[in-house]
Amino acid sequence: MPTWEYVTTPLLIHNTAAILNTWGSKGWELVQVVQGPEGGLVAYLKRPAGGTDSSAQAGLAAAAQAAQKFEGNA
């Protein structure tokens, strides 16, 4: 049976596609989007366990890349 690792990330309404595309390029698959406790959107993603990046490193890199795209620096 395959094993999975999971991550959650906030989604900015004006930058949703860039955020999800960044995570997707790192091998993460969108599982679900739900409303967060403070009203924003939260994405739940998964990928097979044993990816090349740890979840924390992948999360930081994806967030930084999405921010750069939003700011027009990519």
PDB file of N, CA and C in Angstrom:
ATOM      1  N   MET A   1       0.842  -1.176   0.000  1.00  0.00           N
ATOM      2  CA  MET A   1       0.000   0.000   0.000  1.00  0.00           C
ATOM      3  C   MET A   1       0.890   1.243   0.000  1.00  0.00           C
ATOM      4  N   PRO A   2       0.605   2.220  -0.856  1.00  0.00           N
ATOM      5  CA  PRO A   2       1.446   3.427  -0.883  1.00  0.00           C
ATOM      6  C   PRO A   2       1.273   4.259   0.386  1.00  0.00           C
ATOM      7  N   THR A   3       2.309   4.972   0.724  1.00  0.00           N
ATOM      8  CA  THR A   3       2.229   5.916   1.843  1.00  0.00           C
ATOM      9  C   THR A   3       2.329   7.324   1.275  1.00  0.00           C
ATOM     10  N   TRP A   4       1.738   8.259   1.977  1.00  0.00           N
ATOM     11  CA  TRP A   4       1.634   9.637   1.503  1.00  0.00           C
ATOM     12  C   TRP A   4       2.162  10.589   2.549  1.00  0.00           C
ATOM     13  N   GLU A   5       2.631  11.734   2.084  1.00  0.00           N
ATOM     14  CA  GLU A   5       2.905  12.843   2.979  1.00  0.00           C
ATOM     15  C   GLU A   5       1.951  13.963   2.579  1.00  0.00           C
ATOM     16  N   TYR A   6       1.567  14.766   3.553  1.00  0.00           N
ATOM     17  CA  TYR A   6       0.562  15.806   3.341  1.00  0.00           C
ATOM     18  C   TYR A   6       1.096  17.156   3.783  1.00  0.00           C
ATOM     19  N   VAL A   7       0.531  18.205   3.194  1.00  0.00           N
ATOM     20  CA  VAL A   7       0.870  19.560   3.587  1.00  0.00           C
ATOM     21  C   VAL A   7      -0.379  20.417   3.391  1.00  0.00           C
ATOM     22  N   THR A   8      -0.498  21.459   4.200  1.00  0.00           N
ATOM     23  CA  THR A   8      -1.565  22.437   4.008  1.00  0.00           C
ATOM     24  C   THR A   8      -0.923  23.784   3.741  1.00  0.00           C
ATOM     25  N   THR A   9      -1.619  24.605   2.960  1.00  0.00           N
ATOM     26  CA  THR A   9      -1.106  25.938   2.656  1.00  0.00           C
ATOM     27  C   THR A   9      -2.270  26.890   2.469  1.00  0.00           C
ATOM     28  N   PRO A  10      -2.136  28.115   2.936  1.00  0.00           N
ATOM     29  CA  PRO A  10      -3.192  29.097   2.678  1.00  0.00           C
ATOM     30  C   PRO A  10      -3.200  29.486   1.203  1.00  0.00           C
ATOM     31  N   LEU A  11      -4.365  29.793   0.677  1.00  0.00           N
ATOM     32  CA  LEU A  11      -4.499  30.235  -0.713  1.00  0.00           C
ATOM     33  C   LEU A  11      -4.946  31.688  -0.726  1.00  0.00           C
ATOM     34  N   LEU A  12      -4.206  32.506  -1.412  1.00  0.00           N
ATOM     35  CA  LEU A  12      -4.592  33.902  -1.592  1.00  0.00           C
ATOM     36  C   LEU A  12      -5.492  33.969  -2.819  1.00  0.00           C
ATOM     37  N   ILE A  13      -6.658  34.540  -2.682  1.00  0.00           N
ATOM     38  CA  ILE A  13      -7.650  34.562  -3.749  1.00  0.00           C
ATOM     39  C   ILE A  13      -7.071  35.109  -5.047  1.00  0.00           C
ATOM     40  N   HIS A  14      -6.282  36.153  -4.982  1.00  0.00           N
ATOM     41  CA  HIS A  14      -5.746  36.780  -6.175  1.00  0.00           C
ATOM     42  C   HIS A  14      -4.534  36.055  -6.747  1.00  0.00           C
ATOM     43  N   ASN A  15      -4.081  34.974  -6.101  1.00  0.00           N
ATOM     44  CA  ASN A  15      -2.865  34.277  -6.533  1.00  0.00           C
ATOM     45  C   ASN A  15      -3.011  32.759  -6.471  1.00  0.00           C
ATOM     46  N   THR A  16      -4.229  32.261  -6.496  1.00  0.00           N
ATOM     47  CA  THR A  16      -4.485  30.840  -6.299  1.00  0.00           C
ATOM     48  C   THR A  16      -3.776  29.963  -7.322  1.00  0.00           C
ATOM     49  N   ALA A  17      -3.880  30.291  -8.601  1.00  0.00           N
ATOM     50  CA  ALA A  17      -3.279  29.448  -9.642  1.00  0.00           C
ATOM     51  C   ALA A  17      -1.766  29.358  -9.492  1.00  0.00           C
ATOM     52  N   ALA A  18      -1.112  30.475  -9.227  1.00  0.00           N
ATOM     53  CA  ALA A  18       0.344  30.463  -9.072  1.00  0.00           C
ATOM     54  C   ALA A  18       0.763  29.607  -7.888  1.00  0.00           C
ATOM     55  N   ILE A  19       0.036  29.713  -6.790  1.00  0.00           N
ATOM     56  CA  ILE A  19       0.364  28.923  -5.601  1.00  0.00           C
ATOM     57  C   ILE A  19       0.204  27.432  -5.905  1.00  0.00           C
ATOM     58  N   LEU A  20      -0.939  27.053  -6.492  1.00  0.00           N
ATOM     59  CA  LEU A  20      -1.177  25.637  -6.777  1.00  0.00           C
ATOM     60  C   LEU A  20      -0.222  25.105  -7.843  1.00  0.00           C
ATOM     61  N   ASN A  21       0.089  25.899  -8.859  1.00  0.00           N
ATOM     62  CA  ASN A  21       1.045  25.464  -9.881  1.00  0.00           C
ATOM     63  C   ASN A  21       2.437  25.265  -9.295  1.00  0.00           C
ATOM     64  N   THR A  22       2.819  26.103  -8.352  1.00  0.00           N
ATOM     65  CA  THR A  22       4.121  25.961  -7.705  1.00  0.00           C
ATOM     66  C   THR A  22       4.181  24.650  -6.929  1.00  0.00           C
ATOM     67  N   TRP A  23       3.144  24.373  -6.134  1.00  0.00           N
ATOM     68  CA  TRP A  23       3.108  23.112  -5.399  1.00  0.00           C
ATOM     69  C   TRP A  23       3.075  21.926  -6.358  1.00  0.00           C
ATOM     70  N   GLY A  24       2.281  22.032  -7.433  1.00  0.00           N
ATOM     71  CA  GLY A  24       2.188  20.945  -8.407  1.00  0.00           C
ATOM     72  C   GLY A  24       3.528  20.652  -9.061  1.00  0.00           C
ATOM     73  N   SER A  25       4.319  21.684  -9.325  1.00  0.00           N
ATOM     74  CA  SER A  25       5.629  21.474  -9.938  1.00  0.00           C
ATOM     75  C   SER A  25       6.593  20.756  -8.993  1.00  0.00           C
ATOM     76  N   LYS A  26       6.266  20.738  -7.711  1.00  0.00           N
ATOM     77  CA  LYS A  26       7.082  20.041  -6.715  1.00  0.00           C
ATOM     78  C   LYS A  26       6.562  18.630  -6.440  1.00  0.00           C
ATOM     79  N   GLY A  27       5.555  18.214  -7.210  1.00  0.00           N
ATOM     80  CA  GLY A  27       5.034  16.854  -7.062  1.00  0.00           C
ATOM     81  C   GLY A  27       3.835  16.715  -6.151  1.00  0.00           C
ATOM     82  N   TRP A  28       3.273  17.830  -5.678  1.00  0.00           N
ATOM     83  CA  TRP A  28       2.127  17.789  -4.783  1.00  0.00           C
ATOM     84  C   TRP A  28       0.835  17.793  -5.587  1.00  0.00           C
ATOM     85  N   GLU A  29      -0.129  16.989  -5.152  1.00  0.00           N
ATOM     86  CA  GLU A  29      -1.449  16.898  -5.781  1.00  0.00           C
ATOM     87  C   GLU A  29      -2.489  17.511  -4.850  1.00  0.00           C
ATOM     88  N   LEU A  30      -3.331  18.383  -5.398  1.00  0.00           N
ATOM     89  CA  LEU A  30      -4.395  19.006  -4.610  1.00  0.00           C
ATOM     90  C   LEU A  30      -5.428  17.959  -4.232  1.00  0.00           C
ATOM     91  N   VAL A  31      -5.750  17.896  -2.949  1.00  0.00           N
ATOM     92  CA  VAL A  31      -6.763  16.967  -2.458  1.00  0.00           C
ATOM     93  C   VAL A  31      -8.075  17.695  -2.220  1.00  0.00           C
ATOM     94  N   GLN A  32      -7.989  18.845  -1.569  1.00  0.00           N
ATOM     95  CA  GLN A  32      -9.204  19.564  -1.205  1.00  0.00           C
ATOM     96  C   GLN A  32      -8.870  21.010  -0.847  1.00  0.00           C
ATOM     97  N   VAL A  33      -9.826  21.886  -1.066  1.00  0.00           N
ATOM     98  CA  VAL A  33      -9.738  23.273  -0.616  1.00  0.00           C
ATOM     99  C   VAL A  33     -10.916  23.511   0.317  1.00  0.00           C
ATOM    100  N   VAL A  34     -10.645  24.033   1.503  1.00  0.00           N
ATOM    101  CA  VAL A  34     -11.697  24.313   2.475  1.00  0.00           C
ATOM    102  C   VAL A  34     -11.526  25.727   3.007  1.00  0.00           C
ATOM    103  N   GLN A  35     -12.582  26.231   3.593  1.00  0.00           N
ATOM    104  CA  GLN A  35     -12.504  27.544   4.229  1.00  0.00           C
ATOM    105  C   GLN A  35     -11.799  27.394   5.566  1.00  0.00           C
ATOM    106  N   GLY A  36     -10.809  28.246   5.799  1.00  0.00           N
ATOM    107  CA  GLY A  36     -10.051  28.209   7.040  1.00  0.00           C
ATOM    108  C   GLY A  36     -10.831  28.815   8.189  1.00  0.00           C
ATOM    109  N   PRO A  37     -10.298  28.693   9.398  1.00  0.00           N
ATOM    110  CA  PRO A  37     -10.996  29.187  10.580  1.00  0.00           C
ATOM    111  C   PRO A  37     -11.194  30.702  10.587  1.00  0.00           C
ATOM    112  N   GLU A  38     -10.351  31.432   9.858  1.00  0.00           N
ATOM    113  CA  GLU A  38     -10.467  32.888   9.824  1.00  0.00           C
ATOM    114  C   GLU A  38     -11.072  33.385   8.515  1.00  0.00           C
ATOM    115  N   GLY A  39     -11.669  32.478   7.744  1.00  0.00           N
ATOM    116  CA  GLY A  39     -12.373  32.870   6.536  1.00  0.00           C
ATOM    117  C   GLY A  39     -11.613  32.697   5.242  1.00  0.00           C
ATOM    118  N   GLY A  40     -10.301  32.539   5.275  1.00  0.00           N
ATOM    119  CA  GLY A  40      -9.525  32.343   4.058  1.00  0.00           C
ATOM    120  C   GLY A  40      -9.620  30.911   3.576  1.00  0.00           C
ATOM    121  N   LEU A  41      -9.027  30.649   2.430  1.00  0.00           N
ATOM    122  CA  LEU A  41      -9.018  29.297   1.880  1.00  0.00           C
ATOM    123  C   LEU A  41      -7.731  28.583   2.261  1.00  0.00           C
ATOM    124  N   VAL A  42      -7.852  27.280   2.508  1.00  0.00           N
ATOM    125  CA  VAL A  42      -6.708  26.439   2.832  1.00  0.00           C
ATOM    126  C   VAL A  42      -6.712  25.257   1.875  1.00  0.00           C
ATOM    127  N   ALA A  43      -5.572  24.990   1.242  1.00  0.00           N
ATOM    128  CA  ALA A  43      -5.435  23.856   0.343  1.00  0.00           C
ATOM    129  C   ALA A  43      -4.763  22.703   1.077  1.00  0.00           C
ATOM    130  N   TYR A  44      -5.281  21.507   0.869  1.00  0.00           N
ATOM    131  CA  TYR A  44      -4.682  20.282   1.379  1.00  0.00           C
ATOM    132  C   TYR A  44      -4.087  19.552   0.191  1.00  0.00           C
ATOM    133  N   LEU A  45      -2.802  19.216   0.285  1.00  0.00           N
ATOM    134  CA  LEU A  45      -2.105  18.569  -0.819  1.00  0.00           C
ATOM    135  C   LEU A  45      -1.426  17.297  -0.329  1.00  0.00           C
ATOM    136  N   LYS A  46      -1.166  16.372  -1.270  1.00  0.00           N
ATOM    137  CA  LYS A  46      -0.475  15.132  -0.918  1.00  0.00           C
ATOM    138  C   LYS A  46       0.488  14.764  -2.039  1.00  0.00           C
ATOM    139  N   ARG A  47       1.464  13.924  -1.692  1.00  0.00           N
ATOM    140  CA  ARG A  47       2.356  13.310  -2.668  1.00  0.00           C
ATOM    141  C   ARG A  47       2.895  12.023  -2.052  1.00  0.00           C
ATOM    142  N   PRO A  48       3.377  11.125  -2.877  1.00  0.00           N
ATOM    143  CA  PRO A  48       3.942   9.891  -2.313  1.00  0.00           C
ATOM    144  C   PRO A  48       5.073  10.217  -1.341  1.00  0.00           C
ATOM    145  N   ALA A  49       5.117   9.489  -0.246  1.00  0.00           N
ATOM    146  CA  ALA A  49       6.163   9.705   0.757  1.00  0.00           C
ATOM    147  C   ALA A  49       7.525   9.410   0.149  1.00  0.00           C
ATOM    148  N   GLY A  50       8.528  10.108   0.639  1.00  0.00           N
ATOM    149  CA  GLY A  50       9.878   9.896   0.148  1.00  0.00           C
ATOM    150  C   GLY A  50      10.280  10.861  -0.933  1.00  0.00           C
ATOM    151  N   GLY A  51       9.559  12.000  -1.046  1.00  0.00           N
ATOM    152  CA  GLY A  51       9.919  13.032  -2.018  1.00  0.00           C
ATOM    153  C   GLY A  51      11.307  13.574  -1.731  1.00  0.00           C
ATOM    154  N   THR A  52      11.883  14.281  -2.688  1.00  0.00           N
ATOM    155  CA  THR A  52      13.254  14.770  -2.535  1.00  0.00           C
ATOM    156  C   THR A  52      13.358  15.899  -1.521  1.00  0.00           C
ATOM    157  N   ASP A  53      12.299  16.701  -1.349  1.00  0.00           N
ATOM    158  CA  ASP A  53      12.313  17.785  -0.369  1.00  0.00           C
ATOM    159  C   ASP A  53      11.532  17.346   0.865  1.00  0.00           C
ATOM    160  N   SER A  54      11.945  17.806   2.044  1.00  0.00           N
ATOM    161  CA  SER A  54      11.106  17.592   3.206  1.00  0.00           C
ATOM    162  C   SER A  54       9.895  18.510   3.087  1.00  0.00           C
ATOM    163  N   SER A  55       8.843  18.215   3.786  1.00  0.00           N
ATOM    164  CA  SER A  55       7.630  19.032   3.712  1.00  0.00           C
ATOM    165  C   SER A  55       7.907  20.481   4.066  1.00  0.00           C
ATOM    166  N   ALA A  56       8.697  20.706   5.084  1.00  0.00           N
ATOM    167  CA  ALA A  56       8.974  22.077   5.505  1.00  0.00           C
ATOM    168  C   ALA A  56       9.760  22.824   4.433  1.00  0.00           C
ATOM    169  N   GLN A  57      10.777  22.183   3.868  1.00  0.00           N
ATOM    170  CA  GLN A  57      11.569  22.825   2.826  1.00  0.00           C
ATOM    171  C   GLN A  57      10.721  23.091   1.588  1.00  0.00           C
ATOM    172  N   ALA A  58       9.894  22.124   1.210  1.00  0.00           N
ATOM    173  CA  ALA A  58       9.032  22.299   0.036  1.00  0.00           C
ATOM    174  C   ALA A  58       8.044  23.431   0.273  1.00  0.00           C
ATOM    175  N   GLY A  59       7.487  23.510   1.469  1.00  0.00           N
ATOM    176  CA  GLY A  59       6.533  24.559   1.783  1.00  0.00           C
ATOM    177  C   GLY A  59       7.149  25.945   1.712  1.00  0.00           C
ATOM    178  N   LEU A  60       8.330  26.092   2.267  1.00  0.00           N
ATOM    179  CA  LEU A  60       9.006  27.385   2.228  1.00  0.00           C
ATOM    180  C   LEU A  60       9.372  27.776   0.803  1.00  0.00           C
ATOM    181  N   ALA A  61       9.873  26.843   0.041  1.00  0.00           N
ATOM    182  CA  ALA A  61      10.259  27.137  -1.338  1.00  0.00           C
ATOM    183  C   ALA A  61       9.040  27.490  -2.181  1.00  0.00           C
ATOM    184  N   ALA A  62       7.945  26.742  -2.011  1.00  0.00           N
ATOM    185  CA  ALA A  62       6.736  27.009  -2.788  1.00  0.00           C
ATOM    186  C   ALA A  62       6.140  28.365  -2.432  1.00  0.00           C
ATOM    187  N   ALA A  63       6.135  28.688  -1.148  1.00  0.00           N
ATOM    188  CA  ALA A  63       5.601  29.984  -0.729  1.00  0.00           C
ATOM    189  C   ALA A  63       6.448  31.127  -1.280  1.00  0.00           C
ATOM    190  N   ALA A  64       7.755  30.976  -1.241  1.00  0.00           N
ATOM    191  CA  ALA A  64       8.639  32.016  -1.761  1.00  0.00           C
ATOM    192  C   ALA A  64       8.459  32.190  -3.262  1.00  0.00           C
ATOM    193  N   GLN A  65       8.347  31.081  -3.987  1.00  0.00           N
ATOM    194  CA  GLN A  65       8.171  31.163  -5.438  1.00  0.00           C
ATOM    195  C   GLN A  65       6.832  31.807  -5.786  1.00  0.00           C
ATOM    196  N   ALA A  66       5.776  31.450  -5.077  1.00  0.00           N
ATOM    197  CA  ALA A  66       4.466  32.044  -5.333  1.00  0.00           C
ATOM    198  C   ALA A  66       4.479  33.544  -5.041  1.00  0.00           C
ATOM    199  N   ALA A  67       5.167  33.935  -3.970  1.00  0.00           N
ATOM    200  CA  ALA A  67       5.261  35.366  -3.645  1.00  0.00           C
ATOM    201  C   ALA A  67       5.994  36.128  -4.744  1.00  0.00           C
ATOM    202  N   GLN A  68       7.050  35.536  -5.276  1.00  0.00           N
ATOM    203  CA  GLN A  68       7.809  36.180  -6.347  1.00  0.00           C
ATOM    204  C   GLN A  68       6.936  36.344  -7.586  1.00  0.00           C
ATOM    205  N   LYS A  69       6.152  35.320  -7.926  1.00  0.00           N
ATOM    206  CA  LYS A  69       5.268  35.407  -9.088  1.00  0.00           C
ATOM    207  C   LYS A  69       4.241  36.495  -8.875  1.00  0.00           C
ATOM    208  N   PHE A  70       3.694  36.584  -7.684  1.00  0.00           N
ATOM    209  CA  PHE A  70       2.688  37.597  -7.386  1.00  0.00           C
ATOM    210  C   PHE A  70       3.271  39.009  -7.509  1.00  0.00           C
ATOM    211  N   GLU A  71       4.497  39.158  -7.048  1.00  0.00           N
ATOM    212  CA  GLU A  71       5.136  40.472  -7.071  1.00  0.00           C
ATOM    213  C   GLU A  71       5.726  40.798  -8.453  1.00  0.00           C
ATOM    214  N   GLY A  72       5.648  39.839  -9.388  1.00  0.00           N
ATOM    215  CA  GLY A  72       6.154  40.064 -10.726  1.00  0.00           C
ATOM    216  C   GLY A  72       7.648  39.907 -10.872  1.00  0.00           C
ATOM    217  N   ASN A  73       8.275  39.180  -9.955  1.00  0.00           N
ATOM    218  CA  ASN A  73       9.723  38.993  -9.996  1.00  0.00           C
ATOM    219  C   ASN A  73      10.154  37.691 -10.635  1.00  0.00           C
ATOM    220  N   ALA A  74       9.201  36.902 -11.126  1.00  0.00           N
ATOM    221  CA  ALA A  74       9.574  35.615 -11.708  1.00  0.00           C
ATOM    222  C   ALA A  74       9.446  35.647 -13.211  1.00  0.00           C
TER     223      ALA A  74
END
